[in-house]
C-alpha cells in the first residue's frame, strides 16, 4: 500500500481501503474509530475522492476536516452540495458509531442537510463536528455543523441511523 494525501496536512500512510471484517467484530465502534485515527487502517476510499478525513472521535462526538477542490465543482462553478452532504453524512454516522458496542453496526436511514453559504475551493479547510442527540436500541439521531476556518456556518444537518447486529451488515 502506498501513502495517500487526503488533503494538505492529512496523510494516510496505509493508502485507501476498508477495515478488515475480523476487526469489525473485535472492537467497539469507538475503538475502531480511534484505530482509524491512529493509522492502523487505510483511509476509506471515499476520503481520497472527497479530500476529507476523520480527525477526532470520542463518545457521542466525531470531527472531520476537509478541503474542497476544483474536482468538486458543479457546472456553475461552486462546490457541489453533495460534497458538503458527504462530509456531513460521514461525521454524523461516525458520531453514532462512537456509541456502538462490539457486534453492532449501523447505516444511515435518513439525513437532512441545510446549506447556508456557498462553498468554493477558496473556502479552504472546513471542519464538520457531529454530536449524538439520542441513542436508542435500534435508532440513533445525531446533528452536525460544517464551518470554515473563521467559524462561519456553511451547513448544518441531522441524521437518523438504524442500529442492528453486525451479522446483517452487507459488505462488498
Protein backbone atom coordinates (compact mmCIF):
# COMPACT_ATOMS: atom_id res chain seq x y z
CA UNK A 1 0.00 0.00 0.00
CA UNK A 2 1.21 3.45 -0.76
CA UNK A 3 0.79 6.64 1.19
CA UNK A 4 -2.06 8.93 0.09
CA UNK A 5 -2.56 12.60 0.90
CA UNK A 6 -6.25 13.11 1.67
CA UNK A 7 -5.87 16.91 1.87
CA UNK A 8 -2.95 19.18 2.79
CA UNK A 9 -1.54 18.04 6.11
CA UNK A 10 -3.60 14.81 6.32
CA UNK A 11 -1.87 11.68 5.03
CA UNK A 12 -2.99 8.06 5.16
CA UNK A 13 0.27 6.12 5.32
CA UNK A 14 -1.58 2.86 4.55
CA UNK A 15 -3.32 4.26 1.48
CA UNK A 16 -7.01 3.64 0.85
CA UNK A 17 -9.10 0.63 1.85
CA UNK A 18 -11.54 -0.74 4.39
CA UNK A 19 -11.36 -2.16 7.89
CA UNK A 20 -10.79 -5.94 7.94
CA UNK A 21 -14.05 -7.82 8.65
CA UNK A 22 -12.50 -9.66 11.61
CA UNK A 23 -11.71 -6.34 13.32
CA UNK A 24 -15.30 -5.12 12.96
CA UNK A 25 -16.43 -7.78 15.43
CA UNK A 26 -13.39 -7.46 17.71
CA UNK A 27 -13.65 -3.77 18.62
CA UNK A 28 -16.37 -1.35 19.72
CA UNK A 29 -17.33 1.44 17.34
CA UNK A 30 -15.26 4.00 19.24
CA UNK A 31 -12.26 1.68 19.38
CA UNK A 32 -12.44 1.22 15.59
CA UNK A 33 -12.55 4.97 15.03
CA UNK A 34 -9.58 5.52 17.35
CA UNK A 35 -7.66 2.85 15.42
CA UNK A 36 -8.51 4.64 12.16
CA UNK A 37 -7.25 7.97 13.53
CA UNK A 38 -4.07 6.29 14.84
CA UNK A 39 -3.34 4.91 11.35
CA UNK A 40 -3.91 1.18 11.97
CA UNK A 41 -6.19 1.07 8.91
CA UNK A 42 -6.09 2.68 5.49
CA UNK A 43 -8.36 5.67 4.92
CA UNK A 44 -11.75 4.84 3.41
CA UNK A 45 -11.69 5.11 -0.41
CA UNK A 46 -14.35 7.85 -0.17
CA UNK A 47 -11.94 10.03 1.83
CA UNK A 48 -9.46 10.01 -1.04
CA UNK A 49 -12.09 11.06 -3.57
CA UNK A 50 -13.62 13.75 -1.41
CA UNK A 51 -10.46 15.14 0.29
CA UNK A 52 -11.59 14.78 3.90
CA UNK A 53 -10.87 12.61 6.89
CA UNK A 54 -11.79 11.74 10.47
CA UNK A 55 -9.58 13.62 12.93
CA UNK A 56 -11.30 13.24 16.34
CA UNK A 57 -13.68 10.78 17.98
CA UNK A 58 -14.99 10.45 21.50
CA UNK A 59 -18.19 9.00 22.88
CA UNK A 60 -21.06 10.86 21.21
CA UNK A 61 -18.84 13.09 19.03
CA UNK A 62 -16.92 12.88 15.75
CA UNK A 63 -14.96 15.54 13.85
CA UNK A 64 -13.93 15.55 10.19
CA UNK A 65 -11.73 18.03 8.37
CA UNK A 66 -11.54 18.50 4.65
CA UNK A 67 -10.58 20.76 1.78
CA UNK A 68 -12.95 21.11 -1.18
CA UNK A 69 -11.17 21.40 -4.51
CA UNK A 70 -11.79 22.15 -8.17
CA UNK A 71 -12.69 18.48 -8.74
CA UNK A 72 -15.76 19.02 -6.53
CA UNK A 73 -17.24 21.86 -8.60
CA UNK A 74 -20.72 21.75 -10.09
CA UNK A 75 -21.41 23.20 -13.57
CA UNK A 76 -21.98 26.67 -12.07
CA UNK A 77 -18.51 26.79 -10.51
CA UNK A 78 -19.27 26.29 -6.83
CA UNK A 79 -18.59 23.18 -4.79
CA UNK A 80 -21.40 20.70 -5.34
CA UNK A 81 -23.80 20.43 -2.40
CA UNK A 82 -23.14 16.70 -2.43
CA UNK A 83 -19.61 17.36 -1.17
CA UNK A 84 -20.97 19.10 1.94
CA UNK A 85 -23.61 16.39 2.34
CA UNK A 86 -20.96 13.66 2.11
CA UNK A 87 -18.60 15.07 4.74
CA UNK A 88 -21.63 15.67 6.96
CA UNK A 89 -23.02 12.15 6.45
CA UNK A 90 -19.59 10.78 7.36
CA UNK A 91 -19.36 12.81 10.58
CA UNK A 92 -22.99 12.18 11.53
CA UNK A 93 -22.62 8.42 11.01
CA UNK A 94 -19.27 8.17 12.79
CA UNK A 95 -20.77 10.07 15.70
CA UNK A 96 -23.31 7.25 16.02
CA UNK A 97 -20.54 4.68 15.60
CA UNK A 98 -18.85 6.04 18.73
CA UNK A 99 -21.65 4.56 20.87
CA UNK A 100 -21.83 1.11 19.24
CA UNK A 101 -20.84 -1.97 21.21
CA UNK A 102 -18.85 -4.86 19.76
CA UNK A 103 -21.04 -6.72 17.29
CA UNK A 104 -23.24 -3.72 16.45
CA UNK A 105 -23.37 -1.98 13.07
CA UNK A 106 -25.29 0.99 11.68
CA UNK A 107 -26.45 2.50 8.44
CA UNK A 108 -27.91 5.87 7.56
CA UNK A 109 -31.71 5.69 7.41
CA UNK A 110 -32.39 9.39 6.80
CA UNK A 111 -30.50 12.65 6.78
CA UNK A 112 -31.17 16.30 6.12
CA UNK A 113 -28.68 19.00 5.26
CA UNK A 114 -29.24 22.74 5.14
CA UNK A 115 -26.63 24.58 3.07
CA UNK A 116 -26.27 28.11 4.45
CA UNK A 117 -23.34 29.55 2.44
CA UNK A 118 -21.70 28.71 -0.86
CA UNK A 119 -18.51 26.67 -0.70
CA UNK A 120 -15.67 27.11 -3.19
CA UNK A 121 -12.10 25.82 -3.46
CA UNK A 122 -11.10 29.20 -1.98
CA UNK A 123 -13.07 28.36 1.18
CA UNK A 124 -10.08 26.31 2.30
CA UNK A 125 -10.17 23.81 5.14
CA UNK A 126 -13.55 23.14 6.72
CA UNK A 127 -14.48 21.38 9.96
CA UNK A 128 -17.54 19.22 10.45
CA UNK A 129 -18.41 18.38 14.05
CA UNK A 130 -21.20 15.94 14.85
CA UNK A 131 -22.78 15.22 18.22
CA UNK A 132 -25.14 12.48 19.34
CA UNK A 133 -28.66 13.66 20.16
CA UNK A 134 -30.21 10.28 21.09
CA UNK A 135 -29.23 6.60 21.13
CA UNK A 136 -31.99 4.04 21.42
CA UNK A 137 -31.97 0.26 20.93
CA UNK A 138 -32.43 0.34 17.13
CA UNK A 139 -32.19 4.04 16.17
CA UNK A 140 -29.79 6.88 16.87
CA UNK A 141 -30.02 10.58 15.96
CA UNK A 142 -27.09 12.96 15.51
CA UNK A 143 -26.63 16.60 14.49
CA UNK A 144 -23.70 18.38 12.84
CA UNK A 145 -22.38 21.72 11.68
CA UNK A 146 -19.93 22.43 8.88
CA UNK A 147 -17.82 25.58 9.37
CA UNK A 148 -14.99 27.35 7.61
CA UNK A 149 -11.70 28.30 9.28
CA UNK A 150 -13.16 31.56 10.62
CA UNK A 151 -16.10 29.72 12.20
CA UNK A 152 -18.74 30.77 9.65
CA UNK A 153 -21.54 28.24 9.34
CA UNK A 154 -21.59 26.63 5.87
CA UNK A 155 -24.16 23.91 6.57
CA UNK A 156 -25.92 22.05 9.34
CA UNK A 157 -27.93 18.88 9.46
CA UNK A 158 -29.32 15.89 11.26
CA UNK A 159 -29.23 12.15 10.68
CA UNK A 160 -31.10 9.07 11.84
CA UNK A 161 -29.21 5.79 11.78
CA UNK A 162 -30.53 2.25 12.11
CA UNK A 163 -28.59 0.07 14.54
CA UNK A 164 -28.50 -3.68 14.01
CA UNK A 165 -26.41 -6.83 14.65
CA UNK A 166 -23.22 -6.85 12.59
CA UNK A 167 -24.10 -10.22 11.02
CA UNK A 168 -26.80 -8.42 9.00
CA UNK A 169 -24.33 -5.93 7.50
CA UNK A 170 -23.78 -6.18 3.75
CA UNK A 171 -20.13 -5.99 2.70
CA UNK A 172 -18.94 -5.91 -0.88
